[in-house]
Protein backbone atom coordinates (compact mmCIF):
# COMPACT_ATOMS: atom_id res chain seq x y z
CA MET A 1 -190.07 25.14 149.55
CA GLY A 2 -188.39 25.28 152.96
CA THR A 3 -184.77 26.34 153.29
CA LEU A 4 -183.74 23.04 154.76
CA ILE A 5 -185.39 20.98 151.85
CA THR A 6 -183.84 23.28 149.48
CA LEU A 7 -180.36 22.91 151.08
CA GLY A 8 -180.81 19.25 151.05
CA LEU A 9 -181.85 18.89 147.53
CA LEU A 10 -179.12 21.30 146.37
CA PHE A 11 -176.39 19.35 148.13
CA ALA A 12 -177.67 15.99 147.30
CA GLN A 13 -177.69 17.00 143.58
CA LEU A 14 -174.17 18.44 143.81
CA SER A 15 -173.04 15.27 145.69
CA VAL A 16 -173.62 12.98 142.62
CA LEU A 17 -172.10 15.48 140.27
CA ALA A 18 -168.82 15.85 142.23
CA PHE A 19 -166.86 13.84 139.79
CA GLY A 20 -163.02 13.89 140.29
CA GLY A 21 -163.52 15.73 143.70
CA GLY A 22 -165.57 18.09 145.62
CA ASN A 23 -163.77 21.18 143.96
CA THR A 24 -165.28 20.31 140.45
CA ILE A 25 -168.63 21.46 141.81
CA LEU A 26 -167.53 24.60 143.24
CA PRO A 27 -168.64 26.91 140.36
CA GLU A 28 -172.30 25.30 140.37
CA MET A 29 -172.34 25.50 144.17
CA GLN A 30 -171.31 29.10 144.20
CA ARG A 31 -173.87 29.72 141.42
CA GLN A 32 -176.67 28.16 143.25
CA VAL A 33 -175.86 29.45 146.74
CA VAL A 34 -175.03 33.24 145.47
CA GLN A 35 -176.96 33.84 142.41
CA VAL A 36 -179.94 31.36 142.39
CA GLN A 37 -180.69 31.29 146.11
CA GLY A 38 -179.35 34.59 147.32
CA TRP A 39 -178.30 33.17 150.58
CA MET A 40 -174.80 35.08 150.44
CA SER A 41 -172.62 37.30 148.55
CA ALA A 42 -169.73 35.90 146.21
CA GLN A 43 -167.29 37.35 148.77
CA GLU A 44 -168.94 35.69 151.69
CA PHE A 45 -168.83 32.43 149.78
CA SER A 46 -165.14 32.94 148.99
CA ALA A 47 -164.54 33.69 152.69
CA LEU A 48 -166.35 30.46 153.84
CA TYR A 49 -164.25 28.50 151.27
CA ALA A 50 -161.08 29.91 152.19
CA LEU A 51 -161.86 29.21 155.90
CA ALA A 52 -162.73 25.62 155.03
CA GLN A 53 -159.46 25.15 153.05
CA ALA A 54 -157.51 26.47 155.88
CA ALA A 55 -159.10 23.98 158.42
CA PRO A 56 -157.96 20.31 158.57
CA GLY A 57 -160.14 17.78 157.08
CA PRO A 58 -162.00 17.12 153.71
CA ASN A 59 -161.76 19.90 151.31
CA MET A 60 -165.54 20.10 151.10
CA MET A 61 -165.92 21.37 154.69
CA VAL A 62 -167.41 24.66 152.89
CA VAL A 63 -170.60 22.67 152.55
CA PRO A 64 -171.35 22.60 156.34
CA LEU A 65 -170.29 26.07 156.68
CA ILE A 66 -172.78 27.19 154.13
CA GLY A 67 -175.48 25.18 155.72
CA TRP A 68 -174.52 26.80 159.05
CA HIS A 69 -174.53 30.32 157.40
CA VAL A 70 -178.00 29.59 155.95
CA ALA A 71 -179.84 27.74 158.40
CA GLY A 72 -177.77 27.25 161.71
CA TRP A 73 -177.02 24.06 163.20
CA SER A 74 -179.90 22.20 161.36
CA GLY A 75 -178.74 23.71 158.14
CA LEU A 76 -175.25 22.36 158.87
CA LEU A 77 -176.42 18.65 159.38
CA VAL A 78 -178.70 18.68 156.55
CA SER A 79 -176.30 20.06 153.95
CA ALA A 80 -173.36 17.74 155.33
CA LEU A 81 -175.39 14.68 155.02
CA ALA A 82 -176.98 15.59 151.74
CA LYS A 83 -173.44 16.34 150.25
CA PHE A 84 -171.52 13.37 151.61
CA GLY A 85 -174.29 10.61 151.85
CA PRO A 86 -175.07 10.26 148.26
CA SER A 87 -171.77 10.31 147.01
CA SER A 88 -170.27 7.95 149.55
CA LEU A 89 -172.90 5.43 148.62
CA LEU A 90 -172.56 5.88 144.88
CA THR A 91 -168.72 5.69 145.26
CA GLY A 92 -169.17 2.20 147.12
CA VAL A 93 -171.30 0.79 144.24
CA VAL A 94 -169.03 2.26 141.51
CA LEU A 95 -165.85 0.93 143.15
CA GLY A 96 -167.31 -2.56 143.35
CA LEU A 97 -168.13 -2.46 139.62
CA TRP A 98 -164.71 -0.72 138.80
CA ARG A 99 -162.95 -3.67 140.43
CA ARG A 100 -165.09 -6.27 138.76
CA PHE A 101 -164.50 -5.00 135.42
CA ARG A 102 -160.74 -4.23 136.11
CA ASP A 103 -159.49 -6.26 132.97
CA ARG A 104 -161.81 -4.62 130.52
CA PRO A 105 -160.36 -2.52 127.75
CA TRP A 106 -163.13 0.13 127.92
CA ARG A 107 -162.19 0.93 131.54
CA LYS A 108 -158.90 2.70 130.39
CA LEU A 109 -160.82 4.70 127.68
CA VAL A 110 -163.37 5.85 130.46
CA GLN A 111 -160.43 6.72 132.75
CA ALA A 112 -158.62 8.58 129.89
CA GLY A 113 -161.90 10.83 129.36
CA LEU A 114 -162.45 11.58 133.02
CA VAL A 115 -158.90 12.97 133.83
CA PRO A 116 -159.16 16.10 131.28
CA MET A 117 -162.82 16.70 132.30
CA THR A 118 -161.74 16.80 136.11
CA VAL A 119 -158.65 18.97 135.31
CA GLY A 120 -161.02 21.49 133.59
CA LEU A 121 -163.65 21.51 136.33
CA VAL A 122 -160.98 22.19 139.01
CA ALA A 123 -159.61 24.86 136.84
CA ALA A 124 -162.94 26.48 136.36
CA SER A 125 -163.24 26.38 140.31
CA ALA A 126 -159.87 28.06 140.75
CA ILE A 127 -161.08 30.74 138.36
CA LEU A 128 -164.24 31.34 140.02
CA ILE A 129 -162.68 31.79 143.41
CA ALA A 130 -160.08 34.15 142.13
CA GLU A 131 -162.55 36.34 140.46
CA SER A 132 -164.70 36.67 143.50
CA THR A 133 -161.76 37.53 145.80
CA THR A 134 -159.74 39.71 143.64
CA THR A 135 -160.74 43.27 144.49
CA GLY A 136 -157.93 45.27 142.99
CA TRP A 137 -154.58 45.15 141.54
CA ILE A 138 -152.88 44.31 144.76
CA THR A 139 -155.13 41.43 145.45
CA GLY A 140 -154.82 40.32 141.80
CA ALA A 141 -150.99 40.27 142.14
CA ILE A 142 -151.26 38.39 145.25
CA THR A 143 -153.61 35.87 143.54
CA ALA A 144 -151.20 35.57 140.54
CA ALA A 145 -148.04 35.15 142.82
CA SER A 146 -149.76 32.46 144.61
CA ALA A 147 -150.85 30.61 141.36
CA LEU A 148 -147.31 30.99 139.97
CA GLY A 149 -145.77 29.69 143.29
CA MET A 150 -147.76 26.62 143.18
CA LEU A 151 -147.27 25.99 139.51
CA ARG A 152 -143.33 26.76 139.71
CA THR A 153 -142.19 25.75 142.90
CA LYS A 154 -142.49 22.85 145.48
CA LEU A 155 -143.43 25.08 148.30
CA HIS A 156 -146.10 23.73 150.56
CA PRO A 157 -149.58 25.49 150.08
CA LEU A 158 -149.49 26.50 153.76
CA TRP A 159 -146.44 28.82 153.04
CA LEU A 160 -148.27 30.58 150.31
CA LEU A 161 -151.47 30.81 152.30
CA GLY A 162 -149.40 32.37 155.25
CA GLY A 163 -147.63 34.76 152.94
CA GLY A 164 -151.14 35.94 151.80
CA ALA A 165 -152.36 36.38 155.26
CA VAL A 166 -149.29 38.39 156.21
CA LEU A 167 -149.64 40.64 153.18
CA GLY A 168 -153.39 41.05 154.03
CA ALA A 169 -152.50 41.70 157.84
CA VAL A 170 -150.28 44.55 156.84
CA GLY A 171 -152.88 46.12 154.54
CA LEU A 172 -151.68 45.23 151.07
CA GLY A 173 -154.86 43.56 150.29
CA LEU A 174 -157.04 46.45 150.85
CA SER A 175 -156.86 48.10 147.56
């Protein structure tokens, strides 16, 4: 199967699985891109993810970056359309049904079940990225400090990102 077809099928499948946001599919995306397809290393995946998160725009900008890394501009286009097209259509249909059945008692039960599932998937994504970027005790400490900073303070994430960048720039992240 051609690379563009594989990219399209992969991201179309992930598109409809991205329940609760794009970050919920990050572990499976990383597994497919790194382990199954072998298109890049875990470190390269994490670097693309970090670049996508630092840029303004949707949190799934990593998808077009992966497509570009794998197959250039055509890969960028195919992966973006495959990731954002099916989920956008599905969201439109489900939103119409969600509004139509807004007074049904089962709706609150469905919502109550989806919230913890989404939290678990996002936590799994965070662990995956932390594992692939933590290369020593210093980067582990930076990761832990960033996580604690997010959990315990009201600091804007860009301050933590900037702090990590400064530490890396002065060589503390090299061990």
